[in-house]
């Protein structure tokens, strides 16, 4: 699936990276270091992992397969 939004760092525990859309927040799994930049507008191609639980529990876990920076 493809999801567009903005990258944010959420301060739960040691912190986690998230993709925030207009109506949902996804916790990013296996995000490459180039994606971990606050405020970056991106389109992420990935898979929602229903079989993964995290300590942050901020939303569905989105396993990143690829991404593209948007203007």
PDB file of N, CA and C in Angstrom:
ATOM      1  N   UNK A   1       0.828  -1.177   0.000  1.00  0.00           N
ATOM      2  CA  UNK A   1       0.000   0.000   0.000  1.00  0.00           C
ATOM      3  C   UNK A   1       0.874   1.242   0.000  1.00  0.00           C
ATOM      4  N   UNK A   2       0.364   2.318  -0.535  1.00  0.00           N
ATOM      5  CA  UNK A   2       1.081   3.593  -0.555  1.00  0.00           C
ATOM      6  C   UNK A   2       0.354   4.580   0.344  1.00  0.00           C
ATOM      7  N   UNK A   3       1.136   5.272   1.182  1.00  0.00           N
ATOM      8  CA  UNK A   3       0.578   6.229   2.121  1.00  0.00           C
ATOM      9  C   UNK A   3       1.402   7.505   2.062  1.00  0.00           C
ATOM     10  N   UNK A   4       0.723   8.646   1.978  1.00  0.00           N
ATOM     11  CA  UNK A   4       1.397   9.941   1.955  1.00  0.00           C
ATOM     12  C   UNK A   4       1.204  10.644   3.291  1.00  0.00           C
ATOM     13  N   UNK A   5       2.253  11.315   3.738  1.00  0.00           N
ATOM     14  CA  UNK A   5       2.147  12.053   4.987  1.00  0.00           C
ATOM     15  C   UNK A   5       3.467  12.699   5.348  1.00  0.00           C
ATOM     16  N   UNK A   6       3.566  13.073   6.623  1.00  0.00           N
ATOM     17  CA  UNK A   6       4.743  13.771   7.136  1.00  0.00           C
ATOM     18  C   UNK A   6       5.396  12.916   8.221  1.00  0.00           C
ATOM     19  N   UNK A   7       6.722  12.908   8.228  1.00  0.00           N
ATOM     20  CA  UNK A   7       7.480  12.141   9.210  1.00  0.00           C
ATOM     21  C   UNK A   7       7.575  12.931  10.515  1.00  0.00           C
ATOM     22  N   UNK A   8       7.311  12.237  11.623  1.00  0.00           N
ATOM     23  CA  UNK A   8       7.443  12.821  12.948  1.00  0.00           C
ATOM     24  C   UNK A   8       8.160  11.831  13.853  1.00  0.00           C
ATOM     25  N   UNK A   9       8.838  12.367  14.855  1.00  0.00           N
ATOM     26  CA  UNK A   9       9.456  11.519  15.876  1.00  0.00           C
ATOM     27  C   UNK A   9       8.616  11.651  17.130  1.00  0.00           C
ATOM     28  N   UNK A  10       8.057  10.541  17.562  1.00  0.00           N
ATOM     29  CA  UNK A  10       7.210  10.526  18.752  1.00  0.00           C
ATOM     30  C   UNK A  10       8.056  10.129  19.954  1.00  0.00           C
ATOM     31  N   UNK A  11       7.898  10.831  21.052  1.00  0.00           N
ATOM     32  CA  UNK A  11       8.756  10.654  22.213  1.00  0.00           C
ATOM     33  C   UNK A  11       8.296   9.642  23.229  1.00  0.00           C
ATOM     34  N   UNK A  12       7.834   8.498  22.813  1.00  0.00           N
ATOM     35  CA  UNK A  12       7.432   7.452  23.746  1.00  0.00           C
ATOM     36  C   UNK A  12       8.622   6.539  24.022  1.00  0.00           C
ATOM     37  N   UNK A  13       8.957   6.335  25.287  1.00  0.00           N
ATOM     38  CA  UNK A  13      10.096   5.478  25.625  1.00  0.00           C
ATOM     39  C   UNK A  13      11.361   6.032  24.990  1.00  0.00           C
ATOM     40  N   UNK A  14      12.026   5.209  24.189  1.00  0.00           N
ATOM     41  CA  UNK A  14      13.240   5.659  23.497  1.00  0.00           C
ATOM     42  C   UNK A  14      12.902   6.442  22.237  1.00  0.00           C
ATOM     43  N   UNK A  15      11.630   6.539  21.930  1.00  0.00           N
ATOM     44  CA  UNK A  15      11.192   7.281  20.747  1.00  0.00           C
ATOM     45  C   UNK A  15      10.951   6.355  19.576  1.00  0.00           C
ATOM     46  N   UNK A  16      10.077   6.789  18.702  1.00  0.00           N
ATOM     47  CA  UNK A  16       9.773   6.004  17.510  1.00  0.00           C
ATOM     48  C   UNK A  16       9.443   6.958  16.370  1.00  0.00           C
ATOM     49  N   UNK A  17       9.675   6.516  15.164  1.00  0.00           N
ATOM     50  CA  UNK A  17       9.376   7.320  13.977  1.00  0.00           C
ATOM     51  C   UNK A  17       7.993   6.980  13.462  1.00  0.00           C
ATOM     52  N   UNK A  18       7.283   8.006  13.016  1.00  0.00           N
ATOM     53  CA  UNK A  18       5.905   7.829  12.586  1.00  0.00           C
ATOM     54  C   UNK A  18       5.649   8.563  11.280  1.00  0.00           C
ATOM     55  N   UNK A  19       4.697   8.035  10.532  1.00  0.00           N
ATOM     56  CA  UNK A  19       4.171   8.700   9.344  1.00  0.00           C
ATOM     57  C   UNK A  19       2.779   9.183   9.714  1.00  0.00           C
ATOM     58  N   UNK A  20       2.588  10.495   9.685  1.00  0.00           N
ATOM     59  CA  UNK A  20       1.319  11.089  10.087  1.00  0.00           C
ATOM     60  C   UNK A  20       0.583  11.575   8.846  1.00  0.00           C
ATOM     61  N   UNK A  21      -0.618  11.045   8.636  1.00  0.00           N
ATOM     62  CA  UNK A  21      -1.457  11.452   7.508  1.00  0.00           C
ATOM     63  C   UNK A  21      -2.560  12.363   8.049  1.00  0.00           C
ATOM     64  N   UNK A  22      -3.471  12.773   7.179  1.00  0.00           N
ATOM     65  CA  UNK A  22      -4.571  13.625   7.621  1.00  0.00           C
ATOM     66  C   UNK A  22      -5.477  12.933   8.630  1.00  0.00           C
ATOM     67  N   UNK A  23      -5.566  11.603   8.564  1.00  0.00           N
ATOM     68  CA  UNK A  23      -6.515  10.927   9.441  1.00  0.00           C
ATOM     69  C   UNK A  23      -5.956   9.728  10.210  1.00  0.00           C
ATOM     70  N   UNK A  24      -4.648   9.459  10.096  1.00  0.00           N
ATOM     71  CA  UNK A  24      -4.094   8.286  10.783  1.00  0.00           C
ATOM     72  C   UNK A  24      -2.596   8.472  11.022  1.00  0.00           C
ATOM     73  N   UNK A  25      -2.111   7.847  12.086  1.00  0.00           N
ATOM     74  CA  UNK A  25      -0.681   7.824  12.389  1.00  0.00           C
ATOM     75  C   UNK A  25      -0.200   6.386  12.306  1.00  0.00           C
ATOM     76  N   UNK A  26       0.869   6.166  11.547  1.00  0.00           N
ATOM     77  CA  UNK A  26       1.475   4.848  11.402  1.00  0.00           C
ATOM     78  C   UNK A  26       2.824   4.851  12.096  1.00  0.00           C
ATOM     79  N   UNK A  27       3.109   3.804  12.844  1.00  0.00           N
ATOM     80  CA  UNK A  27       4.442   3.628  13.402  1.00  0.00           C
ATOM     81  C   UNK A  27       5.302   2.940  12.344  1.00  0.00           C
ATOM     82  N   UNK A  28       6.461   3.512  12.049  1.00  0.00           N
ATOM     83  CA  UNK A  28       7.294   2.982  10.975  1.00  0.00           C
ATOM     84  C   UNK A  28       8.196   1.860  11.472  1.00  0.00           C
ATOM     85  N   UNK A  29       8.210   0.767  10.736  1.00  0.00           N
ATOM     86  CA  UNK A  29       9.072  -0.383  11.026  1.00  0.00           C
ATOM     87  C   UNK A  29      10.106  -0.485   9.916  1.00  0.00           C
ATOM     88  N   UNK A  30      11.354  -0.693  10.320  1.00  0.00           N
ATOM     89  CA  UNK A  30      12.467  -0.843   9.372  1.00  0.00           C
ATOM     90  C   UNK A  30      12.633   0.388   8.483  1.00  0.00           C
ATOM     91  N   UNK A  31      12.424   1.561   9.062  1.00  0.00           N
ATOM     92  CA  UNK A  31      12.592   2.803   8.293  1.00  0.00           C
ATOM     93  C   UNK A  31      14.078   3.065   8.054  1.00  0.00           C
ATOM     94  N   UNK A  32      14.468   3.302   6.794  1.00  0.00           N
ATOM     95  CA  UNK A  32      15.871   3.630   6.515  1.00  0.00           C
ATOM     96  C   UNK A  32      16.242   4.980   7.134  1.00  0.00           C
ATOM     97  N   UNK A  33      17.515   5.180   7.401  1.00  0.00           N
ATOM     98  CA  UNK A  33      17.965   6.414   8.063  1.00  0.00           C
ATOM     99  C   UNK A  33      17.611   7.666   7.253  1.00  0.00           C
ATOM    100  N   UNK A  34      17.572   7.573   5.927  1.00  0.00           N
ATOM    101  CA  UNK A  34      17.215   8.722   5.083  1.00  0.00           C
ATOM    102  C   UNK A  34      15.758   9.155   5.278  1.00  0.00           C
ATOM    103  N   UNK A  35      14.949   8.266   5.820  1.00  0.00           N
ATOM    104  CA  UNK A  35      13.534   8.574   6.047  1.00  0.00           C
ATOM    105  C   UNK A  35      13.316   9.214   7.414  1.00  0.00           C
ATOM    106  N   UNK A  36      14.253   9.033   8.319  1.00  0.00           N
ATOM    107  CA  UNK A  36      14.111   9.501   9.699  1.00  0.00           C
ATOM    108  C   UNK A  36      14.505  10.970   9.817  1.00  0.00           C
ATOM    109  N   UNK A  37      13.676  11.835   9.235  1.00  0.00           N
ATOM    110  CA  UNK A  37      13.911  13.284   9.266  1.00  0.00           C
ATOM    111  C   UNK A  37      12.594  13.987   9.562  1.00  0.00           C
ATOM    112  N   UNK A  38      12.528  14.659  10.709  1.00  0.00           N
ATOM    113  CA  UNK A  38      11.305  15.350  11.123  1.00  0.00           C
ATOM    114  C   UNK A  38      10.829  16.313  10.042  1.00  0.00           C
ATOM    115  N   UNK A  39       9.531  16.265   9.766  1.00  0.00           N
ATOM    116  CA  UNK A  39       8.918  17.203   8.844  1.00  0.00           C
ATOM    117  C   UNK A  39       9.001  16.815   7.381  1.00  0.00           C
ATOM    118  N   UNK A  40       9.702  15.743   7.071  1.00  0.00           N
ATOM    119  CA  UNK A  40       9.848  15.295   5.682  1.00  0.00           C
ATOM    120  C   UNK A  40       8.491  14.846   5.141  1.00  0.00           C
ATOM    121  N   UNK A  41       8.106  15.361   3.982  1.00  0.00           N
ATOM    122  CA  UNK A  41       6.857  14.943   3.334  1.00  0.00           C
ATOM    123  C   UNK A  41       7.196  13.826   2.358  1.00  0.00           C
ATOM    124  N   UNK A  42       6.517  12.690   2.535  1.00  0.00           N
ATOM    125  CA  UNK A  42       6.883  11.498   1.766  1.00  0.00           C
ATOM    126  C   UNK A  42       5.664  10.687   1.341  1.00  0.00           C
ATOM    127  N   UNK A  43       5.927   9.803   0.382  1.00  0.00           N
ATOM    128  CA  UNK A  43       4.990   8.735   0.047  1.00  0.00           C
ATOM    129  C   UNK A  43       5.722   7.439   0.360  1.00  0.00           C
ATOM    130  N   UNK A  44       5.156   6.658   1.263  1.00  0.00           N
ATOM    131  CA  UNK A  44       5.777   5.410   1.690  1.00  0.00           C
ATOM    132  C   UNK A  44       5.029   4.236   1.076  1.00  0.00           C
ATOM    133  N   UNK A  45       5.787   3.317   0.513  1.00  0.00           N
ATOM    134  CA  UNK A  45       5.236   2.065   0.023  1.00  0.00           C
ATOM    135  C   UNK A  45       5.588   1.016   1.072  1.00  0.00           C
ATOM    136  N   UNK A  46       4.569   0.345   1.588  1.00  0.00           N
ATOM    137  CA  UNK A  46       4.843  -0.628   2.628  1.00  0.00           C
ATOM    138  C   UNK A  46       3.662  -1.525   2.903  1.00  0.00           C
ATOM    139  N   UNK A  47       3.777  -2.265   3.995  1.00  0.00           N
ATOM    140  CA  UNK A  47       2.751  -3.231   4.373  1.00  0.00           C
ATOM    141  C   UNK A  47       2.403  -3.030   5.848  1.00  0.00           C
ATOM    142  N   UNK A  48       1.119  -2.921   6.140  1.00  0.00           N
ATOM    143  CA  UNK A  48       0.678  -2.843   7.531  1.00  0.00           C
ATOM    144  C   UNK A  48       0.844  -4.228   8.138  1.00  0.00           C
ATOM    145  N   UNK A  49       1.557  -4.278   9.261  1.00  0.00           N
ATOM    146  CA  UNK A  49       1.857  -5.551   9.925  1.00  0.00           C
ATOM    147  C   UNK A  49       0.946  -5.724  11.129  1.00  0.00           C
ATOM    148  N   UNK A  50      -0.053  -6.557  10.982  1.00  0.00           N
ATOM    149  CA  UNK A  50      -0.997  -6.829  12.069  1.00  0.00           C
ATOM    150  C   UNK A  50      -0.394  -7.786  13.103  1.00  0.00           C
ATOM    151  N   UNK A  51       0.709  -8.453  12.714  1.00  0.00           N
ATOM    152  CA  UNK A  51       1.330  -9.442  13.587  1.00  0.00           C
ATOM    153  C   UNK A  51       2.459  -8.874  14.441  1.00  0.00           C
ATOM    154  N   UNK A  52       2.643  -7.552  14.418  1.00  0.00           N
ATOM    155  CA  UNK A  52       3.724  -6.911  15.154  1.00  0.00           C
ATOM    156  C   UNK A  52       3.136  -5.982  16.213  1.00  0.00           C
ATOM    157  N   UNK A  53       3.636  -6.116  17.447  1.00  0.00           N
ATOM    158  CA  UNK A  53       3.230  -5.218  18.524  1.00  0.00           C
ATOM    159  C   UNK A  53       4.448  -4.418  18.963  1.00  0.00           C
ATOM    160  N   UNK A  54       4.220  -3.191  19.406  1.00  0.00           N
ATOM    161  CA  UNK A  54       5.315  -2.339  19.853  1.00  0.00           C
ATOM    162  C   UNK A  54       4.972  -1.735  21.212  1.00  0.00           C
ATOM    163  N   UNK A  55       5.971  -1.157  21.847  1.00  0.00           N
ATOM    164  CA  UNK A  55       5.721  -0.509  23.136  1.00  0.00           C
ATOM    165  C   UNK A  55       5.086   0.860  22.957  1.00  0.00           C
ATOM    166  N   UNK A  56       5.317   1.509  21.829  1.00  0.00           N
ATOM    167  CA  UNK A  56       4.759   2.848  21.598  1.00  0.00           C
ATOM    168  C   UNK A  56       3.249   2.789  21.348  1.00  0.00           C
ATOM    169  N   UNK A  57       2.813   1.815  20.590  1.00  0.00           N
ATOM    170  CA  UNK A  57       1.400   1.621  20.282  1.00  0.00           C
ATOM    171  C   UNK A  57       0.703   2.930  19.869  1.00  0.00           C
ATOM    172  N   UNK A  58       1.278   3.621  18.883  1.00  0.00           N
ATOM    173  CA  UNK A  58       0.715   4.898  18.435  1.00  0.00           C
ATOM    174  C   UNK A  58      -0.194   4.739  17.225  1.00  0.00           C
ATOM    175  N   UNK A  59      -0.239   3.556  16.671  1.00  0.00           N
ATOM    176  CA  UNK A  59      -1.064   3.304  15.497  1.00  0.00           C
ATOM    177  C   UNK A  59      -0.597   2.044  14.810  1.00  0.00           C
ATOM    178  N   UNK A  60      -1.188   1.733  13.659  1.00  0.00           N
ATOM    179  CA  UNK A  60      -0.773   0.540  12.918  1.00  0.00           C
ATOM    180  C   UNK A  60       0.718   0.591  12.587  1.00  0.00           C
ATOM    181  N   UNK A  61       1.351  -0.566  12.596  1.00  0.00           N
ATOM    182  CA  UNK A  61       2.772  -0.660  12.253  1.00  0.00           C
ATOM    183  C   UNK A  61       2.898  -0.802  10.746  1.00  0.00           C
ATOM    184  N   UNK A  62       3.620   0.126  10.131  1.00  0.00           N
ATOM    185  CA  UNK A  62       3.825   0.122   8.683  1.00  0.00           C
ATOM    186  C   UNK A  62       5.268  -0.260   8.403  1.00  0.00           C
ATOM    187  N   UNK A  63       5.450  -1.448   7.813  1.00  0.00           N
ATOM    188  CA  UNK A  63       6.790  -1.901   7.444  1.00  0.00           C
ATOM    189  C   UNK A  63       7.172  -1.226   6.130  1.00  0.00           C
ATOM    190  N   UNK A  64       8.230  -0.447   6.164  1.00  0.00           N
ATOM    191  CA  UNK A  64       8.653   0.342   5.011  1.00  0.00           C
ATOM    192  C   UNK A  64       9.369  -0.542   3.997  1.00  0.00           C
ATOM    193  N   UNK A  65       8.883  -0.498   2.745  1.00  0.00           N
ATOM    194  CA  UNK A  65       9.540  -1.207   1.657  1.00  0.00           C
ATOM    195  C   UNK A  65      10.311  -0.233   0.778  1.00  0.00           C
ATOM    196  N   UNK A  66       9.743   0.953   0.570  1.00  0.00           N
ATOM    197  CA  UNK A  66      10.414   2.013  -0.183  1.00  0.00           C
ATOM    198  C   UNK A  66       9.699   3.325   0.137  1.00  0.00           C
ATOM    199  N   UNK A  67      10.333   4.431  -0.242  1.00  0.00           N
ATOM    200  CA  UNK A  67       9.694   5.732  -0.040  1.00  0.00           C
ATOM    201  C   UNK A  67      10.195   6.732  -1.077  1.00  0.00           C
ATOM    202  N   UNK A  68       9.410   7.788  -1.248  1.00  0.00           N
ATOM    203  CA  UNK A  68       9.764   8.859  -2.169  1.00  0.00           C
ATOM    204  C   UNK A  68       9.467  10.191  -1.484  1.00  0.00           C
ATOM    205  N   UNK A  69      10.439  11.093  -1.515  1.00  0.00           N
ATOM    206  CA  UNK A  69      10.252  12.429  -0.936  1.00  0.00           C
ATOM    207  C   UNK A  69       9.396  13.255  -1.877  1.00  0.00           C
ATOM    208  N   UNK A  70       8.430  13.962  -1.300  1.00  0.00           N
ATOM    209  CA  UNK A  70       7.523  14.800  -2.087  1.00  0.00           C
ATOM    210  C   UNK A  70       7.874  16.271  -1.887  1.00  0.00           C
ATOM    211  N   UNK A  71       7.466  17.111  -2.818  1.00  0.00           N
ATOM    212  CA  UNK A  71       7.723  18.555  -2.716  1.00  0.00           C
ATOM    213  C   UNK A  71       6.834  19.211  -1.698  1.00  0.00           C
TER     214      UNK A  71
END
